[in-house]
Protein backbone atom coordinates (compact mmCIF):
# COMPACT_ATOMS: atom_id res chain seq x y z
CA MET A 1 90.82 101.07 76.85
CA VAL A 2 92.58 98.75 79.32
CA LYS A 3 92.80 99.66 82.97
CA HIS A 4 95.69 98.13 84.92
CA ILE A 5 95.53 98.09 88.73
CA VAL A 6 98.31 96.74 90.91
CA MET A 7 98.47 96.67 94.71
CA TYR A 8 101.81 96.18 96.45
CA LYS A 9 103.04 95.30 99.91
CA PHE A 10 106.45 96.65 100.92
CA LYS A 11 109.16 94.59 102.54
CA GLU A 12 109.54 95.14 106.26
CA GLY A 13 111.59 98.20 107.12
CA VAL A 14 110.88 100.18 103.94
CA ASP A 15 110.13 103.85 104.60
CA LYS A 16 106.73 104.10 102.91
CA ASP A 17 106.71 107.85 102.27
CA GLU A 18 110.22 107.83 100.81
CA ALA A 19 109.48 104.76 98.68
CA ILE A 20 106.24 106.23 97.31
CA GLY A 21 108.16 109.34 96.24
CA ILE A 22 110.77 107.26 94.44
CA ILE A 23 108.13 105.13 92.72
CA HIS A 24 106.05 108.12 91.71
CA ASP A 25 109.08 109.96 90.33
CA ALA A 26 110.20 106.88 88.39
CA LEU A 27 106.85 105.97 86.80
CA THR A 28 104.75 109.07 86.21
CA PRO A 29 107.17 110.61 83.66
CA LEU A 30 106.62 107.54 81.44
CA VAL A 31 103.23 108.91 80.33
CA GLY A 32 103.84 110.44 76.92
CA LYS A 33 107.12 108.54 76.49
CA ILE A 34 105.75 105.00 76.14
CA PRO A 35 103.27 104.55 73.29
CA GLY A 36 99.78 103.59 74.44
CA LEU A 37 100.28 104.57 78.10
CA ASN A 38 97.63 107.25 78.59
CA HIS A 39 97.53 107.73 82.37
CA LEU A 40 99.37 106.54 85.47
CA GLU A 41 98.92 107.18 89.19
CA VAL A 42 100.85 105.97 92.23
CA ALA A 43 99.36 106.40 95.70
CA LEU A 44 99.72 105.20 99.25
CA ALA A 45 97.14 102.48 99.96
CA TYR A 46 95.53 101.04 103.08
CA GLN A 47 93.53 98.01 104.20
CA GLY A 48 96.35 95.50 103.89
CA MET A 49 98.41 96.90 101.01
CA ASP A 50 101.00 99.68 101.02
CA TYR A 51 100.64 101.33 97.63
CA ALA A 52 98.57 101.20 94.47
CA LEU A 53 99.45 101.70 90.84
CA TYR A 54 96.62 102.62 88.48
CA SER A 55 97.24 103.05 84.78
CA GLU A 56 95.29 103.25 81.53
CA PHE A 57 96.38 101.89 78.16
CA GLU A 58 95.01 102.16 74.64
CA SER A 59 94.85 98.36 74.27
CA ARG A 60 96.01 95.00 75.59
CA GLU A 61 98.87 95.19 73.12
CA ALA A 62 99.94 98.55 74.54
CA LEU A 63 99.93 97.11 78.07
CA ALA A 64 102.01 94.14 76.92
CA ALA A 65 104.48 96.45 75.16
CA TYR A 66 104.73 98.65 78.29
CA ALA A 67 105.70 95.62 80.40
CA GLU A 68 108.76 95.05 78.18
CA HIS A 69 109.57 98.66 77.28
CA PRO A 70 113.18 99.67 78.18
CA LEU A 71 112.02 102.86 79.94
CA HIS A 72 109.62 100.88 82.13
CA LEU A 73 112.24 98.25 82.92
CA ALA A 74 114.75 100.96 83.87
CA ALA A 75 112.18 102.67 86.11
CA LYS A 76 111.38 99.39 87.89
CA GLU A 77 115.04 98.91 88.79
CA LYS A 78 114.79 102.00 91.01
CA PHE A 79 112.13 100.55 93.30
CA PHE A 80 111.25 96.91 92.65
CA HIS A 81 113.51 95.79 95.51
CA PHE A 82 111.11 97.54 97.95
CA ASN A 83 108.27 95.14 97.13
CA GLU A 84 107.39 92.01 99.03
CA SER A 85 104.23 91.05 97.16
CA ARG A 86 101.92 92.19 94.39
CA VAL A 87 98.36 91.60 93.21
CA ALA A 88 97.21 92.81 89.79
CA ALA A 89 94.05 92.99 87.73
CA ASP A 90 93.33 94.33 84.27
CA TYR A 91 90.01 95.05 82.62
CA GLU A 92 88.69 96.61 79.44
CA LEU A 93 85.98 99.18 78.88
């Protein structure tokens, strides 16, 4: 199993609560629609970042396929413009 964690900082002026709702509604329905994506959470973060994305994949290959999947790319279009910066880490268990 691969765990994918991403922390984001919003651009100045973004309404955090509204943006989190948009991001959550765009990404969480992808579980069950994209092969190998087993779990996904979006939550407001603190201590220097604005929100966190946590997801679990069957394999590295599944994570790579998710990154290029048309449903994921379409979802990102709904919110990626909110983001100023991003830090990511993946690990396997």
